[in-house]
Amino acid sequence: MQRSSGPLVPLHYFGYGYATLVATGGIIGYAKAGSMPSLAAGLLFGSLAGLGAYQLSQDPKNIWVSLVTSGTLAGIMGMRFYHSGKFMPAGLIAGASLLMVAKIGLNVLSRPHS
């Protein structure tokens, strides 16, 4: 019986997509409302998420930057969504961040222990 070499889609691909979503959200926030804090936060967290995805591509066990970035955004944007009730952008980013945290968790739990 041949052993699986890993997940169908590597975790870092999800990380790059997530990083793109976060950075794009900051750019759109700036373009629509002229919000410099949205631009700065989007580019900062998008860059951190991109760094985390890069680290995952080099070593799938190096989850900490991705986990902390997505966990922090899940908390911040989750609270913003809770207080505003607006899905865009807070709910979308909170949901994507929770999915990223869950994906990292499932990846860690399904990894063979050595």
N, C-alpha and C. Protein backbone atom coordinates (compact mmCIF):
# COMPACT_ATOMS: atom_id res chain seq x y z
N MET A 1 0.83 -1.18 0.00
CA MET A 1 0.00 0.00 0.00
C MET A 1 0.88 1.24 0.00
N GLN A 2 0.62 2.16 -0.94
CA GLN A 2 1.43 3.36 -1.05
C GLN A 2 0.91 4.42 -0.09
N ARG A 3 1.83 5.06 0.60
CA ARG A 3 1.48 6.08 1.57
C ARG A 3 1.30 7.43 0.86
N SER A 4 0.31 8.19 1.28
CA SER A 4 0.05 9.50 0.71
C SER A 4 1.21 10.45 1.02
N SER A 5 1.59 11.25 0.04
CA SER A 5 2.70 12.18 0.23
C SER A 5 2.26 13.48 0.88
N GLY A 6 0.98 13.64 1.17
CA GLY A 6 0.51 14.85 1.83
C GLY A 6 -0.86 15.24 1.33
N PRO A 7 -1.32 16.42 1.72
CA PRO A 7 -2.65 16.85 1.30
C PRO A 7 -2.71 17.10 -0.20
N LEU A 8 -3.92 17.04 -0.74
CA LEU A 8 -4.14 17.25 -2.16
C LEU A 8 -3.64 18.63 -2.59
N VAL A 9 -3.98 19.66 -1.82
CA VAL A 9 -3.52 21.02 -2.08
C VAL A 9 -2.67 21.44 -0.89
N PRO A 10 -1.39 21.75 -1.12
CA PRO A 10 -0.53 22.14 -0.01
C PRO A 10 -1.05 23.38 0.72
N LEU A 11 -0.81 23.41 2.00
CA LEU A 11 -1.31 24.49 2.86
C LEU A 11 -0.85 25.86 2.41
N HIS A 12 0.37 25.98 1.89
CA HIS A 12 0.86 27.30 1.53
C HIS A 12 0.09 27.93 0.36
N TYR A 13 -0.54 27.12 -0.48
CA TYR A 13 -1.38 27.71 -1.53
C TYR A 13 -2.56 28.44 -0.93
N PHE A 14 -3.17 27.85 0.10
CA PHE A 14 -4.25 28.53 0.81
C PHE A 14 -3.72 29.81 1.46
N GLY A 15 -2.50 29.73 1.99
CA GLY A 15 -1.88 30.88 2.63
C GLY A 15 -1.66 32.04 1.67
N TYR A 16 -1.19 31.73 0.46
CA TYR A 16 -0.99 32.79 -0.53
C TYR A 16 -2.32 33.43 -0.94
N GLY A 17 -3.34 32.62 -1.12
CA GLY A 17 -4.67 33.15 -1.45
C GLY A 17 -5.21 34.03 -0.33
N TYR A 18 -5.02 33.58 0.90
CA TYR A 18 -5.46 34.35 2.07
C TYR A 18 -4.70 35.68 2.14
N ALA A 19 -3.40 35.65 1.93
CA ALA A 19 -2.59 36.88 1.96
C ALA A 19 -3.07 37.86 0.90
N THR A 20 -3.37 37.36 -0.28
CA THR A 20 -3.87 38.21 -1.36
C THR A 20 -5.20 38.83 -0.99
N LEU A 21 -6.10 38.03 -0.40
CA LEU A 21 -7.41 38.53 0.02
C LEU A 21 -7.26 39.65 1.04
N VAL A 22 -6.41 39.46 2.04
CA VAL A 22 -6.22 40.46 3.10
C VAL A 22 -5.63 41.76 2.53
N ALA A 23 -4.58 41.65 1.73
CA ALA A 23 -3.96 42.85 1.15
C ALA A 23 -4.93 43.57 0.22
N THR A 24 -5.66 42.82 -0.59
CA THR A 24 -6.63 43.42 -1.51
C THR A 24 -7.73 44.14 -0.73
N GLY A 25 -8.15 43.56 0.38
CA GLY A 25 -9.17 44.20 1.22
C GLY A 25 -8.70 45.55 1.73
N GLY A 26 -7.43 45.64 2.13
CA GLY A 26 -6.90 46.92 2.59
C GLY A 26 -6.84 47.95 1.47
N ILE A 27 -6.47 47.50 0.28
CA ILE A 27 -6.39 48.41 -0.87
C ILE A 27 -7.79 48.90 -1.26
N ILE A 28 -8.76 48.00 -1.25
CA ILE A 28 -10.13 48.38 -1.58
C ILE A 28 -10.69 49.34 -0.53
N GLY A 29 -10.39 49.08 0.75
CA GLY A 29 -10.83 49.99 1.80
C GLY A 29 -10.28 51.39 1.61
N TYR A 30 -9.05 51.48 1.17
CA TYR A 30 -8.46 52.78 0.91
C TYR A 30 -9.09 53.42 -0.33
N ALA A 31 -9.29 52.64 -1.38
CA ALA A 31 -9.84 53.17 -2.63
C ALA A 31 -11.28 53.65 -2.45
N LYS A 32 -12.09 52.93 -1.68
CA LYS A 32 -13.50 53.28 -1.52
C LYS A 32 -13.73 54.38 -0.49
N ALA A 33 -13.00 54.32 0.62
CA ALA A 33 -13.28 55.25 1.71
C ALA A 33 -12.11 56.18 2.04
N GLY A 34 -11.00 56.02 1.34
CA GLY A 34 -9.83 56.84 1.64
C GLY A 34 -9.24 56.53 3.00
N SER A 35 -9.44 55.29 3.48
CA SER A 35 -9.00 54.91 4.82
C SER A 35 -7.54 54.45 4.83
N MET A 36 -6.67 55.32 5.35
CA MET A 36 -5.26 54.95 5.48
C MET A 36 -5.07 53.80 6.47
N PRO A 37 -5.83 53.76 7.60
CA PRO A 37 -5.67 52.61 8.50
C PRO A 37 -6.00 51.28 7.82
N SER A 38 -7.02 51.27 6.97
CA SER A 38 -7.36 50.04 6.24
C SER A 38 -6.22 49.63 5.32
N LEU A 39 -5.66 50.60 4.61
CA LEU A 39 -4.56 50.31 3.70
C LEU A 39 -3.35 49.78 4.48
N ALA A 40 -3.00 50.46 5.56
CA ALA A 40 -1.83 50.05 6.34
C ALA A 40 -2.03 48.67 6.95
N ALA A 41 -3.20 48.44 7.56
CA ALA A 41 -3.47 47.13 8.19
C ALA A 41 -3.53 46.03 7.15
N GLY A 42 -4.19 46.31 6.01
CA GLY A 42 -4.30 45.31 4.96
C GLY A 42 -2.94 44.90 4.41
N LEU A 43 -2.09 45.91 4.17
CA LEU A 43 -0.76 45.60 3.63
C LEU A 43 0.13 44.93 4.68
N LEU A 44 0.03 45.36 5.94
CA LEU A 44 0.82 44.75 7.01
C LEU A 44 0.42 43.29 7.21
N PHE A 45 -0.87 43.05 7.43
CA PHE A 45 -1.32 41.68 7.68
C PHE A 45 -1.23 40.82 6.43
N GLY A 46 -1.45 41.41 5.25
CA GLY A 46 -1.28 40.66 4.01
C GLY A 46 0.17 40.23 3.82
N SER A 47 1.09 41.13 4.15
CA SER A 47 2.52 40.79 4.05
C SER A 47 2.91 39.71 5.05
N LEU A 48 2.40 39.81 6.28
CA LEU A 48 2.68 38.77 7.27
C LEU A 48 2.10 37.43 6.85
N ALA A 49 0.89 37.46 6.29
CA ALA A 49 0.28 36.21 5.81
C ALA A 49 1.09 35.64 4.64
N GLY A 50 1.59 36.50 3.77
CA GLY A 50 2.44 36.05 2.66
C GLY A 50 3.74 35.46 3.16
N LEU A 51 4.34 36.08 4.18
CA LEU A 51 5.55 35.54 4.79
C LEU A 51 5.27 34.17 5.39
N GLY A 52 4.15 34.05 6.08
CA GLY A 52 3.77 32.76 6.66
C GLY A 52 3.58 31.70 5.60
N ALA A 53 2.95 32.07 4.48
CA ALA A 53 2.76 31.11 3.39
C ALA A 53 4.10 30.70 2.80
N TYR A 54 5.01 31.65 2.66
CA TYR A 54 6.34 31.33 2.15
C TYR A 54 7.05 30.36 3.10
N GLN A 55 6.98 30.63 4.40
CA GLN A 55 7.61 29.75 5.37
C GLN A 55 7.00 28.34 5.31
N LEU A 56 5.69 28.26 5.11
CA LEU A 56 5.04 26.95 4.97
C LEU A 56 5.51 26.24 3.71
N SER A 57 5.80 26.98 2.65
CA SER A 57 6.27 26.34 1.42
C SER A 57 7.68 25.78 1.61
N GLN A 58 8.45 26.38 2.51
CA GLN A 58 9.80 25.90 2.77
C GLN A 58 9.82 24.73 3.77
N ASP A 59 8.95 24.81 4.77
CA ASP A 59 8.87 23.78 5.80
C ASP A 59 7.43 23.73 6.31
N PRO A 60 6.67 22.70 5.95
CA PRO A 60 5.26 22.62 6.35
C PRO A 60 5.03 22.62 7.87
N LYS A 61 6.08 22.40 8.64
CA LYS A 61 5.93 22.44 10.10
C LYS A 61 6.07 23.85 10.66
N ASN A 62 6.49 24.79 9.84
CA ASN A 62 6.71 26.17 10.29
C ASN A 62 5.41 26.96 10.17
N ILE A 63 4.50 26.75 11.11
CA ILE A 63 3.14 27.28 11.02
C ILE A 63 2.93 28.58 11.80
N TRP A 64 3.89 29.00 12.61
CA TRP A 64 3.61 30.03 13.61
C TRP A 64 3.25 31.39 13.05
N VAL A 65 3.92 31.89 12.04
CA VAL A 65 3.58 33.21 11.50
C VAL A 65 2.18 33.17 10.90
N SER A 66 1.87 32.13 10.15
CA SER A 66 0.52 31.99 9.57
C SER A 66 -0.54 31.88 10.65
N LEU A 67 -0.27 31.08 11.64
CA LEU A 67 -1.25 30.86 12.70
C LEU A 67 -1.50 32.13 13.51
N VAL A 68 -0.46 32.83 13.89
CA VAL A 68 -0.62 34.06 14.68
C VAL A 68 -1.30 35.15 13.85
N THR A 69 -0.91 35.29 12.59
CA THR A 69 -1.52 36.31 11.73
C THR A 69 -3.00 36.04 11.52
N SER A 70 -3.35 34.82 11.14
CA SER A 70 -4.76 34.52 10.88
C SER A 70 -5.57 34.52 12.18
N GLY A 71 -4.99 34.07 13.27
CA GLY A 71 -5.68 34.10 14.56
C GLY A 71 -5.95 35.52 15.03
N THR A 72 -4.96 36.39 14.86
CA THR A 72 -5.13 37.79 15.26
C THR A 72 -6.22 38.46 14.42
N LEU A 73 -6.18 38.24 13.11
CA LEU A 73 -7.20 38.83 12.24
C LEU A 73 -8.58 38.25 12.52
N ALA A 74 -8.65 36.97 12.84
CA ALA A 74 -9.95 36.37 13.18
C ALA A 74 -10.54 37.07 14.40
N GLY A 75 -9.70 37.33 15.40
CA GLY A 75 -10.19 38.01 16.60
C GLY A 75 -10.59 39.45 16.35
N ILE A 76 -9.72 40.22 15.70
CA ILE A 76 -9.99 41.64 15.46
C ILE A 76 -11.21 41.82 14.56
N MET A 77 -11.18 41.13 13.41
CA MET A 77 -12.29 41.31 12.46
C MET A 77 -13.56 40.64 12.94
N GLY A 78 -13.42 39.58 13.73
CA GLY A 78 -14.61 38.96 14.33
C GLY A 78 -15.33 39.91 15.26
N MET A 79 -14.56 40.64 16.06
CA MET A 79 -15.17 41.64 16.95
C MET A 79 -15.80 42.79 16.15
N ARG A 80 -15.13 43.22 15.10
CA ARG A 80 -15.70 44.28 14.26
C ARG A 80 -17.01 43.81 13.62
N PHE A 81 -17.03 42.57 13.16
CA PHE A 81 -18.24 42.02 12.56
C PHE A 81 -19.35 41.91 13.60
N TYR A 82 -19.01 41.45 14.79
CA TYR A 82 -19.99 41.30 15.87
C TYR A 82 -20.63 42.65 16.21
N HIS A 83 -19.83 43.70 16.29
CA HIS A 83 -20.34 45.01 16.68
C HIS A 83 -21.04 45.74 15.54
N SER A 84 -20.60 45.54 14.30
CA SER A 84 -21.20 46.27 13.18
C SER A 84 -22.29 45.49 12.47
N GLY A 85 -22.17 44.16 12.48
CA GLY A 85 -23.11 43.33 11.76
C GLY A 85 -22.92 43.36 10.25
N LYS A 86 -21.89 44.05 9.78
CA LYS A 86 -21.63 44.17 8.34
C LYS A 86 -20.70 43.06 7.89
N PHE A 87 -21.16 42.32 6.87
CA PHE A 87 -20.34 41.23 6.35
C PHE A 87 -19.09 41.74 5.65
N MET A 88 -19.23 42.85 4.92
CA MET A 88 -18.09 43.39 4.19
C MET A 88 -17.52 44.57 4.95
N PRO A 89 -16.27 44.60 5.23
CA PRO A 89 -15.25 43.59 5.00
C PRO A 89 -15.01 42.69 6.21
N ALA A 90 -15.51 43.14 7.38
CA ALA A 90 -15.16 42.45 8.63
C ALA A 90 -15.56 40.98 8.64
N GLY A 91 -16.77 40.68 8.24
CA GLY A 91 -17.25 39.30 8.26
C GLY A 91 -16.48 38.41 7.29
N LEU A 92 -16.18 38.94 6.13
CA LEU A 92 -15.44 38.16 5.13
C LEU A 92 -14.03 37.82 5.63
N ILE A 93 -13.33 38.81 6.15
CA ILE A 93 -11.96 38.57 6.63
C ILE A 93 -11.98 37.70 7.88
N ALA A 94 -12.95 37.91 8.76
CA ALA A 94 -13.05 37.06 9.96
C ALA A 94 -13.30 35.61 9.55
N GLY A 95 -14.21 35.40 8.61
CA GLY A 95 -14.50 34.04 8.14
C GLY A 95 -13.31 33.40 7.46
N ALA A 96 -12.64 34.15 6.59
CA ALA A 96 -11.45 33.61 5.91
C ALA A 96 -10.35 33.31 6.92
N SER A 97 -10.21 34.15 7.93
CA SER A 97 -9.19 33.94 8.96
C SER A 97 -9.50 32.70 9.78
N LEU A 98 -10.76 32.51 10.14
CA LEU A 98 -11.15 31.30 10.87
C LEU A 98 -10.90 30.05 10.04
N LEU A 99 -11.21 30.12 8.76
CA LEU A 99 -10.94 28.99 7.87
C LEU A 99 -9.44 28.69 7.79
N MET A 100 -8.63 29.72 7.77
CA MET A 100 -7.18 29.53 7.72
C MET A 100 -6.68 28.88 9.00
N VAL A 101 -7.18 29.36 10.15
CA VAL A 101 -6.80 28.75 11.43
C VAL A 101 -7.21 27.28 11.46
N ALA A 102 -8.44 27.00 10.99
CA ALA A 102 -8.93 25.61 10.96
C ALA A 102 -8.09 24.75 10.02
N LYS A 103 -7.73 25.28 8.86
CA LYS A 103 -6.91 24.54 7.90
C LYS A 103 -5.54 24.22 8.48
N ILE A 104 -4.94 25.17 9.18
CA ILE A 104 -3.65 24.93 9.82
C ILE A 104 -3.81 23.86 10.89
N GLY A 105 -4.86 23.97 11.69
CA GLY A 105 -5.11 22.98 12.74
C GLY A 105 -5.31 21.59 12.18
N LEU A 106 -6.10 21.46 11.13
CA LEU A 106 -6.32 20.15 10.52
C LEU A 106 -5.02 19.59 9.93
N ASN A 107 -4.22 20.48 9.36
CA ASN A 107 -2.94 20.06 8.80
C ASN A 107 -2.02 19.51 9.89
N VAL A 108 -2.00 20.19 11.03
CA VAL A 108 -1.16 19.73 12.14
C VAL A 108 -1.68 18.41 12.70
N LEU A 109 -2.99 18.28 12.85
CA LEU A 109 -3.56 17.05 13.41
C LEU A 109 -3.43 15.85 12.49
N SER A 110 -3.43 16.09 11.17
CA SER A 110 -3.36 14.96 10.24
C SER A 110 -1.92 14.57 9.90
N ARG A 111 -0.96 15.34 10.39
CA ARG A 111 0.45 15.05 10.14
C ARG A 111 0.86 13.81 10.91
N PRO A 112 1.59 12.90 10.26
CA PRO A 112 2.06 11.72 11.00
C PRO A 112 3.06 12.11 12.09
N HIS A 113 2.89 11.53 13.26
CA HIS A 113 3.78 11.82 14.38
C HIS A 113 5.02 10.95 14.30
N SER A 114 6.17 11.58 14.53
CA SER A 114 7.41 10.79 14.48
C SER A 114 8.15 10.81 15.78
